[in-house]
Protein backbone atom coordinates (compact mmCIF):
# COMPACT_ATOMS: atom_id res chain seq x y z
CA UNK A 1 0.28 -0.18 -0.07
CA UNK A 2 1.33 3.56 -0.76
CA UNK A 3 2.19 5.72 2.18
CA UNK A 4 3.24 9.14 2.66
CA UNK A 5 6.70 7.95 3.23
CA UNK A 6 7.16 7.39 -0.47
CA UNK A 7 6.69 11.46 -1.16
CA UNK A 8 8.30 13.02 2.27
CA UNK A 9 11.72 14.08 1.50
CA UNK A 10 13.16 12.30 4.49
CA UNK A 11 10.62 9.60 5.68
CA UNK A 12 10.13 9.07 9.32
CA UNK A 13 11.79 5.63 8.80
CA UNK A 14 14.65 7.16 7.53
CA UNK A 15 18.31 6.54 9.13
CA UNK A 16 19.10 8.97 11.81
CA UNK A 17 20.05 12.55 10.87
CA UNK A 18 23.70 13.61 12.47
CA UNK A 19 23.74 15.73 15.00
CA UNK A 20 26.00 18.38 13.56
CA UNK A 21 25.17 21.94 13.55
CA UNK A 22 25.66 22.28 9.83
CA UNK A 23 22.84 19.67 9.65
CA UNK A 24 20.26 21.81 11.17
CA UNK A 25 18.42 22.18 7.97
CA UNK A 26 17.76 18.84 7.59
CA UNK A 27 14.14 17.63 7.10
CA UNK A 28 14.38 14.97 9.97
CA UNK A 29 16.15 15.46 13.33
CA UNK A 30 16.76 12.71 15.68
CA UNK A 31 15.90 13.79 19.14
CA UNK A 32 16.65 10.73 21.31
CA UNK A 33 14.96 7.91 19.56
CA UNK A 34 12.40 9.61 17.62
CA UNK A 35 12.86 11.49 13.99
CA UNK A 36 11.18 14.62 13.95
CA UNK A 37 10.24 16.66 10.96
CA UNK A 38 11.89 20.25 10.83
CA UNK A 39 8.78 22.02 9.00
CA UNK A 40 6.28 24.65 9.39
CA UNK A 41 2.62 24.37 10.15
CA UNK A 42 1.79 24.94 6.56
CA UNK A 43 4.20 22.42 5.27
CA UNK A 44 2.71 20.02 7.56
CA UNK A 45 -0.68 20.72 6.61
CA UNK A 46 0.61 20.42 2.84
CA UNK A 47 1.67 16.82 3.54
CA UNK A 48 -1.74 16.16 5.33
CA UNK A 49 -3.55 17.38 1.93
CA UNK A 50 -1.28 15.29 -0.31
CA UNK A 51 -2.05 12.02 1.24
CA UNK A 52 -5.72 12.82 0.94
CA UNK A 53 -5.06 13.69 -2.69
CA UNK A 54 -2.89 10.79 -3.49
CA UNK A 55 -4.90 8.28 -1.32
CA UNK A 56 -2.10 7.81 0.89
CA UNK A 57 -2.03 6.28 4.42
CA UNK A 58 -0.68 8.93 6.81
CA UNK A 59 -0.24 8.93 10.48
CA UNK A 60 0.91 12.11 12.42
CA UNK A 61 1.96 12.37 15.92
CA UNK A 62 3.74 14.86 18.20
CA UNK A 63 6.79 14.74 19.96
CA UNK A 64 7.70 16.57 23.28
CA UNK A 65 10.45 15.93 25.96
CA UNK A 66 8.11 13.22 27.68
CA UNK A 67 7.62 11.50 24.36
CA UNK A 68 11.31 11.28 24.08
CA UNK A 69 11.67 9.93 27.54
CA UNK A 70 8.96 7.47 26.83
CA UNK A 71 10.69 6.22 23.82
CA UNK A 72 13.92 5.35 25.35
CA UNK A 73 12.74 2.62 27.21
CA UNK A 74 9.39 1.52 25.39
CA UNK A 75 10.28 -0.14 22.35
CA UNK A 76 6.59 -0.74 20.93
CA UNK A 77 6.28 3.17 21.24
CA UNK A 78 9.79 3.79 19.40
CA UNK A 79 8.79 1.33 16.86
CA UNK A 80 5.22 2.65 16.32
CA UNK A 81 6.53 6.25 15.98
CA UNK A 82 8.70 5.00 12.95
CA UNK A 83 5.61 4.87 11.06
CA UNK A 84 4.39 8.58 11.62
CA UNK A 85 5.18 12.23 10.49
CA UNK A 86 6.33 13.46 13.97
CA UNK A 87 5.76 17.25 14.56
CA UNK A 88 7.85 19.06 17.29
CA UNK A 89 5.81 19.90 20.53
CA UNK A 90 7.11 22.31 22.93
CA UNK A 91 10.11 24.09 24.57
CA UNK A 92 11.88 20.63 25.32
CA UNK A 93 12.30 19.19 21.81
CA UNK A 94 13.16 22.95 20.67
CA UNK A 95 15.76 23.10 23.32
CA UNK A 96 16.98 19.44 22.41
CA UNK A 97 17.34 20.91 18.37
CA UNK A 98 19.39 23.63 19.77
CA UNK A 99 21.71 21.68 21.36
CA UNK A 100 22.22 18.79 18.90
CA UNK A 101 21.78 20.87 15.59
CA UNK A 102 22.30 24.30 16.38
CA UNK A 103 18.91 25.87 15.67
CA UNK A 104 15.45 25.23 16.77
CA UNK A 105 12.54 23.46 15.10
CA UNK A 106 11.03 26.01 12.34
CA UNK A 107 7.86 26.11 14.39
CA UNK A 108 6.12 24.62 17.42
CA UNK A 109 3.32 22.21 15.92
CA UNK A 110 1.58 21.13 19.25
CA UNK A 111 -1.50 19.39 18.32
CA UNK A 112 -3.56 21.66 20.33
CA UNK A 113 -2.88 24.36 18.17
CA UNK A 114 -1.87 22.43 14.80
CA UNK A 115 -5.11 20.43 14.34
CA UNK A 116 -7.63 23.41 14.60
CA UNK A 117 -5.04 25.45 12.33
CA UNK A 118 -5.76 22.55 9.50
CA UNK A 119 -9.47 22.45 9.77
CA UNK A 120 -9.44 26.27 9.15
CA UNK A 121 -6.89 26.37 6.33
CA UNK A 122 -7.96 23.39 4.44
CA UNK A 123 -10.21 24.06 1.41
CA UNK A 124 -11.93 20.70 1.85
CA UNK A 125 -15.03 19.49 3.58
CA UNK A 126 -13.48 16.77 5.94
CA UNK A 127 -15.10 14.17 7.68
CA UNK A 128 -13.42 13.88 11.09
CA UNK A 129 -13.88 10.66 13.29
CA UNK A 130 -13.21 11.45 17.13
CA UNK A 131 -11.99 8.92 19.63
CA UNK A 132 -10.80 8.70 23.02
CA UNK A 133 -11.35 10.60 26.49
CA UNK A 134 -13.60 9.84 29.29
CA UNK A 135 -16.99 9.21 28.17
CA UNK A 136 -19.07 11.93 26.59
CA UNK A 137 -15.89 14.00 25.77
CA UNK A 138 -15.62 12.82 21.93
CA UNK A 139 -19.17 14.00 21.74
CA UNK A 140 -18.73 17.39 23.47
CA UNK A 141 -15.64 17.84 21.45
CA UNK A 142 -17.31 16.94 18.22
CA UNK A 143 -20.16 19.57 18.98
CA UNK A 144 -17.71 22.31 19.71
CA UNK A 145 -15.62 21.53 16.61
CA UNK A 146 -18.81 21.45 14.52
CA UNK A 147 -19.82 24.88 16.01
CA UNK A 148 -16.50 26.57 15.18
CA UNK A 149 -15.65 24.74 11.91
CA UNK A 150 -19.13 24.26 10.04
CA UNK A 151 -17.56 23.10 6.93
CA UNK A 152 -16.44 20.02 8.44
CA UNK A 153 -18.72 16.88 9.74
CA UNK A 154 -17.48 15.69 13.17
CA UNK A 155 -18.18 11.97 14.22
CA UNK A 156 -17.70 10.97 17.67
CA UNK A 157 -17.01 7.22 17.67
CA UNK A 158 -16.47 6.55 21.42
CA UNK A 159 -14.40 6.97 24.64
CA UNK A 160 -10.75 5.82 25.12
CA UNK A 161 -11.55 3.02 27.60
CA UNK A 162 -12.15 0.15 25.42
CA UNK A 163 -10.06 -3.47 26.05
CA UNK A 164 -8.22 -5.51 23.86
CA UNK A 165 -10.13 -8.04 21.81
CA UNK A 166 -14.05 -7.47 21.18
CA UNK A 167 -14.22 -3.98 22.23
CA UNK A 168 -11.10 -3.12 20.20
CA UNK A 169 -12.30 -4.56 17.01
CA UNK A 170 -15.84 -3.05 17.28
CA UNK A 171 -14.17 0.58 17.64
CA UNK A 172 -12.03 -0.68 14.35
CA UNK A 173 -15.15 -1.59 12.67
CA UNK A 174 -16.79 1.72 13.57
CA UNK A 175 -14.20 3.56 12.18
CA UNK A 176 -14.53 1.66 8.90
CA UNK A 177 -18.34 1.97 8.70
CA UNK A 178 -17.97 6.05 9.09
CA UNK A 179 -15.63 6.31 6.29
CA UNK A 180 -13.76 9.42 7.89
CA UNK A 181 -11.06 11.18 6.05
CA UNK A 182 -9.41 11.78 9.31
CA UNK A 183 -9.72 10.28 12.59
CA UNK A 184 -8.38 12.27 16.02
CA UNK A 185 -7.12 9.46 18.19
CA UNK A 186 -6.78 10.34 22.03
CA UNK A 187 -5.77 7.45 24.01
CA UNK A 188 -2.51 9.16 25.80
CA UNK A 189 1.10 8.66 24.88
CA UNK A 190 2.12 5.95 24.08
CA UNK A 191 -1.31 3.85 24.01
CA UNK A 192 -2.55 6.09 21.19
CA UNK A 193 0.44 5.95 18.87
CA UNK A 194 0.81 2.27 19.30
CA UNK A 195 -3.19 1.47 18.55
CA UNK A 196 -2.72 3.60 15.32
CA UNK A 197 0.23 2.06 14.01
CA UNK A 198 -1.05 -1.56 14.88
CA UNK A 199 -4.55 -1.40 13.91
CA UNK A 200 -5.46 1.81 11.73
CA UNK A 201 -4.38 1.43 7.90
CA UNK A 202 -6.23 3.35 4.87
CA UNK A 203 -9.03 0.79 5.33
CA UNK A 204 -10.15 2.51 8.34
CA UNK A 205 -9.23 5.89 7.61
CA UNK A 206 -6.54 7.82 5.15
CA UNK A 207 -4.96 10.24 7.91
CA UNK A 208 -4.88 9.35 11.68
CA UNK A 209 -3.52 12.08 14.21
CA UNK A 210 -2.51 11.15 17.65
CA UNK A 211 -3.85 14.18 19.52
CA UNK A 212 -3.30 13.59 23.11
CA UNK A 213 -5.36 15.80 25.44
CA UNK A 214 -6.58 17.72 22.39
CA UNK A 215 -10.28 16.40 22.95
CA UNK A 216 -9.99 17.22 26.53
CA UNK A 217 -9.10 20.92 25.78
CA UNK A 218 -12.07 21.04 23.01
CA UNK A 219 -14.56 19.69 25.13
CA UNK A 220 -13.71 22.15 28.16
CA UNK A 221 -12.61 19.29 30.50
CA UNK A 222 -8.98 20.67 30.94
CA UNK A 223 -8.15 24.51 30.68
CA UNK A 224 -5.89 25.40 28.45
CA UNK A 225 -3.09 28.00 29.87
CA UNK A 226 -3.69 31.62 28.99
CA UNK A 227 -2.39 33.03 26.02
CA UNK A 228 0.53 35.04 27.67
CA UNK A 229 1.83 31.61 29.24
CA UNK A 230 1.74 29.93 25.80
CA UNK A 231 3.82 32.63 24.02
CA UNK A 232 6.19 32.03 26.91
CA UNK A 233 6.43 28.65 26.08
CA UNK A 234 5.48 27.44 29.41
CA UNK A 235 2.35 25.52 29.29
CA UNK A 236 3.83 22.63 30.58
CA UNK A 237 4.20 24.36 33.89
CA UNK A 238 0.73 25.63 33.96
CA UNK A 239 -0.41 22.05 33.46
CA UNK A 240 1.90 21.12 36.25
CA UNK A 241 0.34 23.61 38.37
CA UNK A 242 -3.25 22.26 37.56
CA UNK A 243 -2.68 18.48 38.24
CA UNK A 244 0.44 18.14 40.22
CA UNK A 245 -0.07 14.73 41.35
CA UNK A 246 -0.60 13.32 37.95
CA UNK A 247 2.26 15.31 36.29
CA UNK A 248 4.78 15.61 38.92
CA UNK A 249 6.90 12.46 37.67
CA UNK A 250 6.46 13.78 34.29
CA UNK A 251 7.85 17.23 34.51
CA UNK A 252 9.78 17.31 37.96
CA UNK A 253 11.69 14.19 37.31
CA UNK A 254 11.23 14.17 33.43
CA UNK A 255 12.76 17.16 32.38
CA UNK A 256 16.31 16.75 33.85
CA UNK A 257 16.00 13.33 32.52
CA UNK A 258 15.25 14.60 29.07
CA UNK A 259 18.25 17.10 29.17
CA UNK A 260 20.68 14.34 30.48
CA UNK A 261 19.66 12.38 27.42
CA UNK A 262 20.22 15.27 25.43
CA UNK A 263 23.79 15.55 26.80
CA UNK A 264 24.49 12.03 26.35
CA UNK A 265 23.39 12.33 22.60
CA UNK A 266 25.68 15.50 22.29
CA UNK A 267 28.51 13.56 23.63
CA UNK A 268 28.32 10.97 20.96
CA UNK A 269 26.79 8.03 23.10
CA UNK A 270 23.95 7.91 20.65
CA UNK A 271 19.99 7.76 20.86
CA UNK A 272 20.25 4.23 21.84
CA UNK A 273 18.65 1.09 20.00
CA UNK A 274 15.91 1.86 17.59
């Protein structure tokens, strides 16, 4: 089956880019075990448009410092991400790019901002399936998306608390039935990426985007940081203050671990096994 890797200048499964500053303009930059695309929002949107135009299977994901930490020890996740167009999300991977390649990524492409940008910028009328979150979240997010982007049709598939086996098969069958152009999959990292890589092909949906907390934000279940905090690239700190018990390990322990991994990669000890 044709995939977007056939047309992307350096596919997400390509050999690792070097960490020399002179290679900073490479289309793909290796951050830990993840190959992250160094492209702008309009360029990423163009790749999605191309996949829809040409009938190519495309999986889109986002990488932040937490994702890099997970990939360091989770082989299934790291391998799944090789099948994704991975976009840079947050100040952590930007810092990693500065350290390893001498410059930041061209743009911060977190899913919470990039996906609505794509809905607003595309000239298509899309059918968009929504999967994940707690019961009712996909339905509420679909209603709010529909009010904001009336040109598109948003189709809630269900919550994210389905079990392996028959429940998973029912979700996959429902995705086939609705014949969406794009699926937004919000099951949390790394489950969502592994689910997409393992279960979703063009038969289910041409473009699958692993979106993390996007449905929760859209449904109003989790408050986004004020715009000034986002401009300061400190949204992670806002989320930590809102959910300290759940996110303390991710940020307080995770951020130093990420910086240590970047230091080891700078010193030439590599990004670890693929």
